[in-house]
């Protein structure tokens, strides 16, 4: 499906994928729906898990190939996604396992060699700002940095600077899509902010704190999208890596509904 305006000119489509830990597996389902409706995006941006899914898609992987990769690499278990640090001084976990998955999956390390224009968002810890990286030869390092939630993960050093999860400051990276003059901007926001009746135990407190922090950096940018898709993930948390298949299905359903309703409205 190609979107055109009233003058028959093709529209440039941008897609922003939010961060959200395990909830980001819903992005794969949304991409599968997009693939089935033959919608091709020109620019993709992502934060955290959105960055991981986005870079694989931009590297030429079809959605179901990304889905299969999640299974093959056993990324449906938290401790198969991360590696425990020997010392907790920098963070509980590091991204050695993620880096190895990216190294196996993408044969180069350059933003400029990807099939799609791709940006990932990182928070510059040293300079108290965020950066949107879309060029250069440190692709995998920046993607790992984009998913490095402070305290949970150690900060990731790239080119002499310390970076952490982009969701700390910009969880739905719409800016690159505006900068690239995209005519249609679609945002997929997987963060759920529903009421929790019981928040006890360290993992639940941590999950809720991270969710509320990320939520604050999402709202203002969602308003700049032409369309925002929010899959119904209220019964899941950012730590539900073992529910990847359910999350995929929910993202897929949200995508099918969206493209069915709006395929002729652009």
C-alpha atoms as a PDB file:
ATOM      1  CA  UNK A   1       0.000   0.000   0.000  1.00  0.00           C
ATOM      2  CA  UNK A   2       1.381   3.370  -1.030  1.00  0.00           C
ATOM      3  CA  UNK A   3      -0.011   6.520   0.531  1.00  0.00           C
ATOM      4  CA  UNK A   4      -0.472   9.506  -1.790  1.00  0.00           C
ATOM      5  CA  UNK A   5      -1.817  12.988  -1.315  1.00  0.00           C
ATOM      6  CA  UNK A   6      -4.430  14.752  -3.429  1.00  0.00           C
ATOM      7  CA  UNK A   7      -1.835  15.584  -6.079  1.00  0.00           C
ATOM      8  CA  UNK A   8      -0.727  11.985  -6.490  1.00  0.00           C
ATOM      9  CA  UNK A   9       2.597  12.496  -4.733  1.00  0.00           C
ATOM     10  CA  UNK A  10       3.851   9.729  -2.490  1.00  0.00           C
ATOM     11  CA  UNK A  11       3.928  10.541   1.195  1.00  0.00           C
ATOM     12  CA  UNK A  12       6.985   9.930   3.333  1.00  0.00           C
ATOM     13  CA  UNK A  13       6.074   7.727   6.298  1.00  0.00           C
ATOM     14  CA  UNK A  14       7.882   7.720   9.629  1.00  0.00           C
ATOM     15  CA  UNK A  15       7.467   5.210  12.444  1.00  0.00           C
ATOM     16  CA  UNK A  16       8.479   5.790  16.075  1.00  0.00           C
ATOM     17  CA  UNK A  17       8.718   2.783  18.397  1.00  0.00           C
ATOM     18  CA  UNK A  18       8.672   3.528  22.116  1.00  0.00           C
ATOM     19  CA  UNK A  19      10.686   1.916  24.856  1.00  0.00           C
ATOM     20  CA  UNK A  20       9.000  -0.363  27.351  1.00  0.00           C
ATOM     21  CA  UNK A  21      11.154  -3.363  28.190  1.00  0.00           C
ATOM     22  CA  UNK A  22       9.382  -6.640  27.472  1.00  0.00           C
ATOM     23  CA  UNK A  23       6.294  -4.713  26.343  1.00  0.00           C
ATOM     24  CA  UNK A  24       8.305  -3.830  23.257  1.00  0.00           C
ATOM     25  CA  UNK A  25       7.682  -7.322  21.898  1.00  0.00           C
ATOM     26  CA  UNK A  26       4.285  -5.909  20.900  1.00  0.00           C
ATOM     27  CA  UNK A  27       6.175  -3.821  18.324  1.00  0.00           C
ATOM     28  CA  UNK A  28       6.967  -6.999  16.399  1.00  0.00           C
ATOM     29  CA  UNK A  29       3.265  -7.827  16.156  1.00  0.00           C
ATOM     30  CA  UNK A  30       2.474  -4.312  14.944  1.00  0.00           C
ATOM     31  CA  UNK A  31       5.208  -4.573  12.303  1.00  0.00           C
ATOM     32  CA  UNK A  32       3.736  -7.894  11.151  1.00  0.00           C
ATOM     33  CA  UNK A  33       0.338  -6.241  10.635  1.00  0.00           C
ATOM     34  CA  UNK A  34       2.053  -3.406   8.765  1.00  0.00           C
ATOM     35  CA  UNK A  35       3.862  -5.954   6.598  1.00  0.00           C
ATOM     36  CA  UNK A  36       0.625  -7.777   5.755  1.00  0.00           C
ATOM     37  CA  UNK A  37      -0.979  -4.505   4.695  1.00  0.00           C
ATOM     38  CA  UNK A  38       2.085  -3.787   2.508  1.00  0.00           C
ATOM     39  CA  UNK A  39       2.859  -0.499   4.226  1.00  0.00           C
ATOM     40  CA  UNK A  40       6.483   0.558   3.747  1.00  0.00           C
ATOM     41  CA  UNK A  41       7.965   3.132   6.091  1.00  0.00           C
ATOM     42  CA  UNK A  42      10.801   5.425   5.042  1.00  0.00           C
ATOM     43  CA  UNK A  43      12.248   6.343   8.442  1.00  0.00           C
ATOM     44  CA  UNK A  44      12.207   4.392  11.709  1.00  0.00           C
ATOM     45  CA  UNK A  45      13.170   5.683  15.134  1.00  0.00           C
ATOM     46  CA  UNK A  46      13.271   3.811  18.403  1.00  0.00           C
ATOM     47  CA  UNK A  47      14.094   4.007  22.072  1.00  0.00           C
ATOM     48  CA  UNK A  48      15.212   1.078  24.242  1.00  0.00           C
ATOM     49  CA  UNK A  49      13.341  -2.086  23.136  1.00  0.00           C
ATOM     50  CA  UNK A  50      11.865  -0.015  20.312  1.00  0.00           C
ATOM     51  CA  UNK A  51      15.433   0.637  19.205  1.00  0.00           C
ATOM     52  CA  UNK A  52      16.303  -3.085  19.261  1.00  0.00           C
ATOM     53  CA  UNK A  53      13.238  -4.083  17.247  1.00  0.00           C
ATOM     54  CA  UNK A  54      13.634  -1.053  14.972  1.00  0.00           C
ATOM     55  CA  UNK A  55      17.268  -1.746  14.072  1.00  0.00           C
ATOM     56  CA  UNK A  56      16.540  -5.387  13.195  1.00  0.00           C
ATOM     57  CA  UNK A  57      13.663  -4.302  10.950  1.00  0.00           C
ATOM     58  CA  UNK A  58      15.822  -1.590   9.399  1.00  0.00           C
ATOM     59  CA  UNK A  59      18.531  -4.192   8.752  1.00  0.00           C
ATOM     60  CA  UNK A  60      16.126  -6.094   6.517  1.00  0.00           C
ATOM     61  CA  UNK A  61      14.553  -8.620   8.866  1.00  0.00           C
ATOM     62  CA  UNK A  62      10.880  -9.302   8.265  1.00  0.00           C
ATOM     63  CA  UNK A  63       8.708  -9.134  11.405  1.00  0.00           C
ATOM     64  CA  UNK A  64       8.283 -12.907  11.672  1.00  0.00           C
ATOM     65  CA  UNK A  65      12.038 -13.310  11.290  1.00  0.00           C
ATOM     66  CA  UNK A  66      12.490 -10.988  14.277  1.00  0.00           C
ATOM     67  CA  UNK A  67       9.875 -13.012  16.131  1.00  0.00           C
ATOM     68  CA  UNK A  68      11.743 -16.232  15.324  1.00  0.00           C
ATOM     69  CA  UNK A  69      15.010 -14.620  16.436  1.00  0.00           C
ATOM     70  CA  UNK A  70      13.471 -13.908  19.845  1.00  0.00           C
ATOM     71  CA  UNK A  71      12.722 -17.631  20.148  1.00  0.00           C
ATOM     72  CA  UNK A  72      16.028 -18.819  18.716  1.00  0.00           C
ATOM     73  CA  UNK A  73      18.096 -16.655  21.043  1.00  0.00           C
ATOM     74  CA  UNK A  74      15.848 -17.613  23.981  1.00  0.00           C
ATOM     75  CA  UNK A  75      15.091 -13.950  24.647  1.00  0.00           C
ATOM     76  CA  UNK A  76      11.816 -14.813  26.354  1.00  0.00           C
ATOM     77  CA  UNK A  77      13.564 -15.139  29.709  1.00  0.00           C
ATOM     78  CA  UNK A  78      14.907 -12.103  31.548  1.00  0.00           C
ATOM     79  CA  UNK A  79      18.222 -13.736  32.374  1.00  0.00           C
ATOM     80  CA  UNK A  80      18.740 -14.766  28.769  1.00  0.00           C
ATOM     81  CA  UNK A  81      18.362 -11.150  27.677  1.00  0.00           C
ATOM     82  CA  UNK A  82      20.758  -9.688  30.239  1.00  0.00           C
ATOM     83  CA  UNK A  83      23.902 -10.762  32.055  1.00  0.00           C
ATOM     84  CA  UNK A  84      24.345 -10.271  35.783  1.00  0.00           C
ATOM     85  CA  UNK A  85      27.254  -8.023  36.714  1.00  0.00           C
ATOM     86  CA  UNK A  86      29.828  -9.412  39.123  1.00  0.00           C
ATOM     87  CA  UNK A  87      29.881  -6.028  40.827  1.00  0.00           C
ATOM     88  CA  UNK A  88      26.701  -3.996  41.303  1.00  0.00           C
ATOM     89  CA  UNK A  89      28.599  -0.723  41.496  1.00  0.00           C
ATOM     90  CA  UNK A  90      27.659   0.251  37.933  1.00  0.00           C
ATOM     91  CA  UNK A  91      24.335  -1.550  37.607  1.00  0.00           C
ATOM     92  CA  UNK A  92      22.842  -4.974  38.260  1.00  0.00           C
ATOM     93  CA  UNK A  93      23.121  -6.133  34.646  1.00  0.00           C
ATOM     94  CA  UNK A  94      25.082  -5.492  31.464  1.00  0.00           C
ATOM     95  CA  UNK A  95      24.247  -5.903  27.787  1.00  0.00           C
ATOM     96  CA  UNK A  96      26.896  -8.407  26.714  1.00  0.00           C
ATOM     97  CA  UNK A  97      24.240 -10.873  25.586  1.00  0.00           C
ATOM     98  CA  UNK A  98      22.341  -8.259  23.590  1.00  0.00           C
ATOM     99  CA  UNK A  99      25.565  -7.135  21.910  1.00  0.00           C
ATOM    100  CA  UNK A 100      26.297 -10.729  20.877  1.00  0.00           C
ATOM    101  CA  UNK A 101      22.802 -11.139  19.408  1.00  0.00           C
ATOM    102  CA  UNK A 102      23.238  -7.948  17.375  1.00  0.00           C
ATOM    103  CA  UNK A 103      26.694  -9.017  16.215  1.00  0.00           C
ATOM    104  CA  UNK A 104      25.300 -12.339  14.983  1.00  0.00           C
ATOM    105  CA  UNK A 105      22.276 -10.737  13.334  1.00  0.00           C
ATOM    106  CA  UNK A 106      23.751  -7.675  11.594  1.00  0.00           C
ATOM    107  CA  UNK A 107      26.991  -8.163   9.610  1.00  0.00           C
ATOM    108  CA  UNK A 108      28.120  -4.540   9.886  1.00  0.00           C
ATOM    109  CA  UNK A 109      28.155  -1.787  12.500  1.00  0.00           C
ATOM    110  CA  UNK A 110      27.021   1.235  10.487  1.00  0.00           C
ATOM    111  CA  UNK A 111      23.789   3.226  10.572  1.00  0.00           C
ATOM    112  CA  UNK A 112      24.471   4.174   6.954  1.00  0.00           C
ATOM    113  CA  UNK A 113      24.402   0.573   5.693  1.00  0.00           C
ATOM    114  CA  UNK A 114      20.924  -0.239   6.978  1.00  0.00           C
ATOM    115  CA  UNK A 115      18.064  -0.809   4.521  1.00  0.00           C
ATOM    116  CA  UNK A 116      15.943   1.899   6.155  1.00  0.00           C
ATOM    117  CA  UNK A 117      16.956   5.219   7.613  1.00  0.00           C
ATOM    118  CA  UNK A 118      17.111   4.522  11.333  1.00  0.00           C
ATOM    119  CA  UNK A 119      17.576   6.623  14.465  1.00  0.00           C
ATOM    120  CA  UNK A 120      17.964   5.487  18.043  1.00  0.00           C
ATOM    121  CA  UNK A 121      17.591   7.661  21.106  1.00  0.00           C
ATOM    122  CA  UNK A 122      20.098   7.624  23.966  1.00  0.00           C
ATOM    123  CA  UNK A 123      20.412   9.710  27.112  1.00  0.00           C
ATOM    124  CA  UNK A 124      23.813  11.385  27.442  1.00  0.00           C
ATOM    125  CA  UNK A 125      24.504  10.868  31.140  1.00  0.00           C
ATOM    126  CA  UNK A 126      27.547  13.135  31.221  1.00  0.00           C
ATOM    127  CA  UNK A 127      25.902  16.122  29.572  1.00  0.00           C
ATOM    128  CA  UNK A 128      22.350  15.691  30.917  1.00  0.00           C
ATOM    129  CA  UNK A 129      20.649  15.633  27.526  1.00  0.00           C
ATOM    130  CA  UNK A 130      19.454  13.119  24.964  1.00  0.00           C
ATOM    131  CA  UNK A 131      20.851  12.392  21.525  1.00  0.00           C
ATOM    132  CA  UNK A 132      19.223  11.010  18.402  1.00  0.00           C
ATOM    133  CA  UNK A 133      21.821   8.983  16.546  1.00  0.00           C
ATOM    134  CA  UNK A 134      21.252   8.190  12.866  1.00  0.00           C
ATOM    135  CA  UNK A 135      24.692   7.931  11.283  1.00  0.00           C
ATOM    136  CA  UNK A 136      28.169   6.641  11.982  1.00  0.00           C
ATOM    137  CA  UNK A 137      29.925   3.383  12.713  1.00  0.00           C
ATOM    138  CA  UNK A 138      28.848   2.571  16.278  1.00  0.00           C
ATOM    139  CA  UNK A 139      25.402   1.211  15.482  1.00  0.00           C
ATOM    140  CA  UNK A 140      25.322  -1.711  17.911  1.00  0.00           C
ATOM    141  CA  UNK A 141      26.913   0.226  20.755  1.00  0.00           C
ATOM    142  CA  UNK A 142      24.287   2.963  20.527  1.00  0.00           C
ATOM    143  CA  UNK A 143      21.429   0.448  20.342  1.00  0.00           C
ATOM    144  CA  UNK A 144      22.736  -1.243  23.501  1.00  0.00           C
ATOM    145  CA  UNK A 145      23.103   2.160  25.156  1.00  0.00           C
ATOM    146  CA  UNK A 146      19.551   3.060  24.178  1.00  0.00           C
ATOM    147  CA  UNK A 147      18.300   0.079  26.221  1.00  0.00           C
ATOM    148  CA  UNK A 148      20.466   0.626  29.313  1.00  0.00           C
ATOM    149  CA  UNK A 149      17.971   1.540  32.046  1.00  0.00           C
ATOM    150  CA  UNK A 150      19.889   3.322  34.853  1.00  0.00           C
ATOM    151  CA  UNK A 151      20.698   1.219  37.949  1.00  0.00           C
ATOM    152  CA  UNK A 152      19.184  -1.867  36.297  1.00  0.00           C
ATOM    153  CA  UNK A 153      21.914  -1.797  33.625  1.00  0.00           C
ATOM    154  CA  UNK A 154      25.354  -0.299  33.703  1.00  0.00           C
ATOM    155  CA  UNK A 155      25.847   2.863  31.631  1.00  0.00           C
ATOM    156  CA  UNK A 156      27.182   2.130  28.154  1.00  0.00           C
ATOM    157  CA  UNK A 157      30.265   3.989  26.982  1.00  0.00           C
ATOM    158  CA  UNK A 158      30.429   5.024  23.335  1.00  0.00           C
ATOM    159  CA  UNK A 159      33.150   7.264  21.942  1.00  0.00           C
ATOM    160  CA  UNK A 160      34.209   8.366  25.417  1.00  0.00           C
ATOM    161  CA  UNK A 161      30.746   9.344  26.668  1.00  0.00           C
ATOM    162  CA  UNK A 162      28.451   7.529  29.104  1.00  0.00           C
ATOM    163  CA  UNK A 163      24.954   6.769  27.812  1.00  0.00           C
ATOM    164  CA  UNK A 164      21.840   5.267  29.383  1.00  0.00           C
ATOM    165  CA  UNK A 165      18.333   4.418  28.242  1.00  0.00           C
ATOM    166  CA  UNK A 166      16.841   7.025  25.913  1.00  0.00           C
ATOM    167  CA  UNK A 167      13.498   6.646  27.678  1.00  0.00           C
ATOM    168  CA  UNK A 168      14.830   8.622  30.637  1.00  0.00           C
ATOM    169  CA  UNK A 169      14.387  11.775  28.550  1.00  0.00           C
ATOM    170  CA  UNK A 170      12.738  10.805  25.228  1.00  0.00           C
ATOM    171  CA  UNK A 171      10.751   7.571  25.126  1.00  0.00           C
ATOM    172  CA  UNK A 172       8.923   8.181  21.842  1.00  0.00           C
ATOM    173  CA  UNK A 173      11.548   9.639  19.467  1.00  0.00           C
ATOM    174  CA  UNK A 174       9.415  11.610  17.044  1.00  0.00           C
ATOM    175  CA  UNK A 175      11.934  14.400  16.434  1.00  0.00           C
ATOM    176  CA  UNK A 176      13.950  12.574  13.749  1.00  0.00           C
ATOM    177  CA  UNK A 177      10.761  11.911  11.789  1.00  0.00           C
ATOM    178  CA  UNK A 178       9.899  15.613  11.887  1.00  0.00           C
ATOM    179  CA  UNK A 179      13.466  16.487  10.911  1.00  0.00           C
ATOM    180  CA  UNK A 180      13.260  14.056   7.980  1.00  0.00           C
ATOM    181  CA  UNK A 181      10.080  15.821   6.798  1.00  0.00           C
ATOM    182  CA  UNK A 182       7.860  12.768   7.109  1.00  0.00           C
ATOM    183  CA  UNK A 183       4.336  13.487   5.879  1.00  0.00           C
ATOM    184  CA  UNK A 184       2.788  10.853   8.116  1.00  0.00           C
ATOM    185  CA  UNK A 185       4.161  10.059  11.564  1.00  0.00           C
ATOM    186  CA  UNK A 186       2.967   6.919  13.322  1.00  0.00           C
ATOM    187  CA  UNK A 187       3.904   6.350  16.951  1.00  0.00           C
ATOM    188  CA  UNK A 188       3.556   3.010  18.743  1.00  0.00           C
ATOM    189  CA  UNK A 189       3.506   3.516  22.507  1.00  0.00           C
ATOM    190  CA  UNK A 190       3.613   0.310  24.541  1.00  0.00           C
ATOM    191  CA  UNK A 191       3.791   1.882  28.011  1.00  0.00           C
ATOM    192  CA  UNK A 192       0.720   1.167  30.127  1.00  0.00           C
ATOM    193  CA  UNK A 193      -0.186   3.512  32.985  1.00  0.00           C
ATOM    194  CA  UNK A 194      -3.211   1.769  34.428  1.00  0.00           C
ATOM    195  CA  UNK A 195      -3.843   1.679  38.170  1.00  0.00           C
ATOM    196  CA  UNK A 196      -2.052  -1.061  40.114  1.00  0.00           C
ATOM    197  CA  UNK A 197      -3.926  -2.246  43.190  1.00  0.00           C
ATOM    198  CA  UNK A 198      -0.936  -3.935  44.785  1.00  0.00           C
ATOM    199  CA  UNK A 199       2.660  -2.736  44.475  1.00  0.00           C
ATOM    200  CA  UNK A 200       4.741  -4.798  46.878  1.00  0.00           C
ATOM    201  CA  UNK A 201       8.114  -6.452  46.511  1.00  0.00           C
ATOM    202  CA  UNK A 202      11.275  -5.025  45.010  1.00  0.00           C
ATOM    203  CA  UNK A 203      10.594  -6.073  41.411  1.00  0.00           C
ATOM    204  CA  UNK A 204       7.085  -4.561  41.379  1.00  0.00           C
ATOM    205  CA  UNK A 205       8.267  -1.328  42.970  1.00  0.00           C
ATOM    206  CA  UNK A 206      11.111  -1.113  40.459  1.00  0.00           C
ATOM    207  CA  UNK A 207       8.812  -1.851  37.533  1.00  0.00           C
ATOM    208  CA  UNK A 208       6.286   0.783  38.613  1.00  0.00           C
ATOM    209  CA  UNK A 209       8.966   3.421  39.208  1.00  0.00           C
ATOM    210  CA  UNK A 210      10.514   2.846  35.798  1.00  0.00           C
ATOM    211  CA  UNK A 211       7.124   2.869  34.084  1.00  0.00           C
ATOM    212  CA  UNK A 212       6.116   6.192  35.643  1.00  0.00           C
ATOM    213  CA  UNK A 213       9.478   7.736  34.748  1.00  0.00           C
ATOM    214  CA  UNK A 214       9.279   6.609  31.130  1.00  0.00           C
ATOM    215  CA  UNK A 215       5.650   7.688  30.845  1.00  0.00           C
ATOM    216  CA  UNK A 216       6.574  11.311  31.540  1.00  0.00           C
ATOM    217  CA  UNK A 217       8.920  11.419  28.554  1.00  0.00           C
ATOM    218  CA  UNK A 218       6.291   9.974  26.210  1.00  0.00           C
ATOM    219  CA  UNK A 219       3.230  12.208  26.510  1.00  0.00           C
ATOM    220  CA  UNK A 220       4.542  15.437  24.977  1.00  0.00           C
ATOM    221  CA  UNK A 221       5.890  13.696  21.880  1.00  0.00           C
ATOM    222  CA  UNK A 222       2.819  11.552  21.284  1.00  0.00           C
ATOM    223  CA  UNK A 223       0.942  14.768  20.557  1.00  0.00           C
ATOM    224  CA  UNK A 224       3.235  15.417  17.594  1.00  0.00           C
ATOM    225  CA  UNK A 225       2.283  12.161  15.857  1.00  0.00           C
ATOM    226  CA  UNK A 226      -0.452  11.920  13.246  1.00  0.00           C
ATOM    227  CA  UNK A 227      -1.438   8.570  14.694  1.00  0.00           C
ATOM    228  CA  UNK A 228      -0.587   6.947  18.029  1.00  0.00           C
ATOM    229  CA  UNK A 229      -1.221   3.244  18.555  1.00  0.00           C
ATOM    230  CA  UNK A 230      -1.405   2.020  22.150  1.00  0.00           C
ATOM    231  CA  UNK A 231      -1.816  -1.762  22.327  1.00  0.00           C
ATOM    232  CA  UNK A 232      -3.864  -2.954  25.292  1.00  0.00           C
ATOM    233  CA  UNK A 233      -1.032  -4.038  27.594  1.00  0.00           C
ATOM    234  CA  UNK A 234      -2.514  -3.071  30.952  1.00  0.00           C
ATOM    235  CA  UNK A 235      -2.190  -6.623  32.300  1.00  0.00           C
ATOM    236  CA  UNK A 236       1.536  -6.809  31.526  1.00  0.00           C
ATOM    237  CA  UNK A 237       4.713  -5.194  32.824  1.00  0.00           C
ATOM    238  CA  UNK A 238       8.060  -4.188  31.395  1.00  0.00           C
ATOM    239  CA  UNK A 239       9.593  -7.303  33.002  1.00  0.00           C
ATOM    240  CA  UNK A 240       7.257  -9.871  31.380  1.00  0.00           C
ATOM    241  CA  UNK A 241       9.843 -11.276  28.978  1.00  0.00           C
ATOM    242  CA  UNK A 242       8.335 -14.749  29.342  1.00  0.00           C
ATOM    243  CA  UNK A 243       5.089 -13.483  27.766  1.00  0.00           C
ATOM    244  CA  UNK A 244       6.647 -12.422  24.460  1.00  0.00           C
ATOM    245  CA  UNK A 245       4.183 -14.449  22.384  1.00  0.00           C
ATOM    246  CA  UNK A 246       1.153 -12.901  24.078  1.00  0.00           C
ATOM    247  CA  UNK A 247       2.639  -9.438  23.660  1.00  0.00           C
ATOM    248  CA  UNK A 248       3.259 -10.116  19.961  1.00  0.00           C
ATOM    249  CA  UNK A 249      -0.391 -11.120  19.500  1.00  0.00           C
ATOM    250  CA  UNK A 250      -1.672  -7.970  21.202  1.00  0.00           C
ATOM    251  CA  UNK A 251       0.572  -5.755  19.075  1.00  0.00           C
ATOM    252  CA  UNK A 252      -0.536  -7.603  15.953  1.00  0.00           C
ATOM    253  CA  UNK A 253      -4.214  -7.165  16.797  1.00  0.00           C
ATOM    254  CA  UNK A 254      -3.714  -3.445  17.426  1.00  0.00           C
ATOM    255  CA  UNK A 255      -1.929  -3.131  14.077  1.00  0.00           C
ATOM    256  CA  UNK A 256      -4.617  -4.995  12.148  1.00  0.00           C
ATOM    257  CA  UNK A 257      -7.342  -2.786  13.627  1.00  0.00           C
ATOM    258  CA  UNK A 258      -5.357   0.358  12.856  1.00  0.00           C
ATOM    259  CA  UNK A 259      -4.536  -0.440   9.229  1.00  0.00           C
ATOM    260  CA  UNK A 260      -8.009  -1.801   8.557  1.00  0.00           C
ATOM    261  CA  UNK A 261      -9.577   1.433   9.784  1.00  0.00           C
ATOM    262  CA  UNK A 262      -7.143   3.910   8.251  1.00  0.00           C
ATOM    263  CA  UNK A 263      -5.727   2.300   5.112  1.00  0.00           C
ATOM    264  CA  UNK A 264      -7.756   4.615   2.854  1.00  0.00           C
ATOM    265  CA  UNK A 265      -7.585   7.751   4.994  1.00  0.00           C
ATOM    266  CA  UNK A 266      -4.062   9.016   4.343  1.00  0.00           C
END
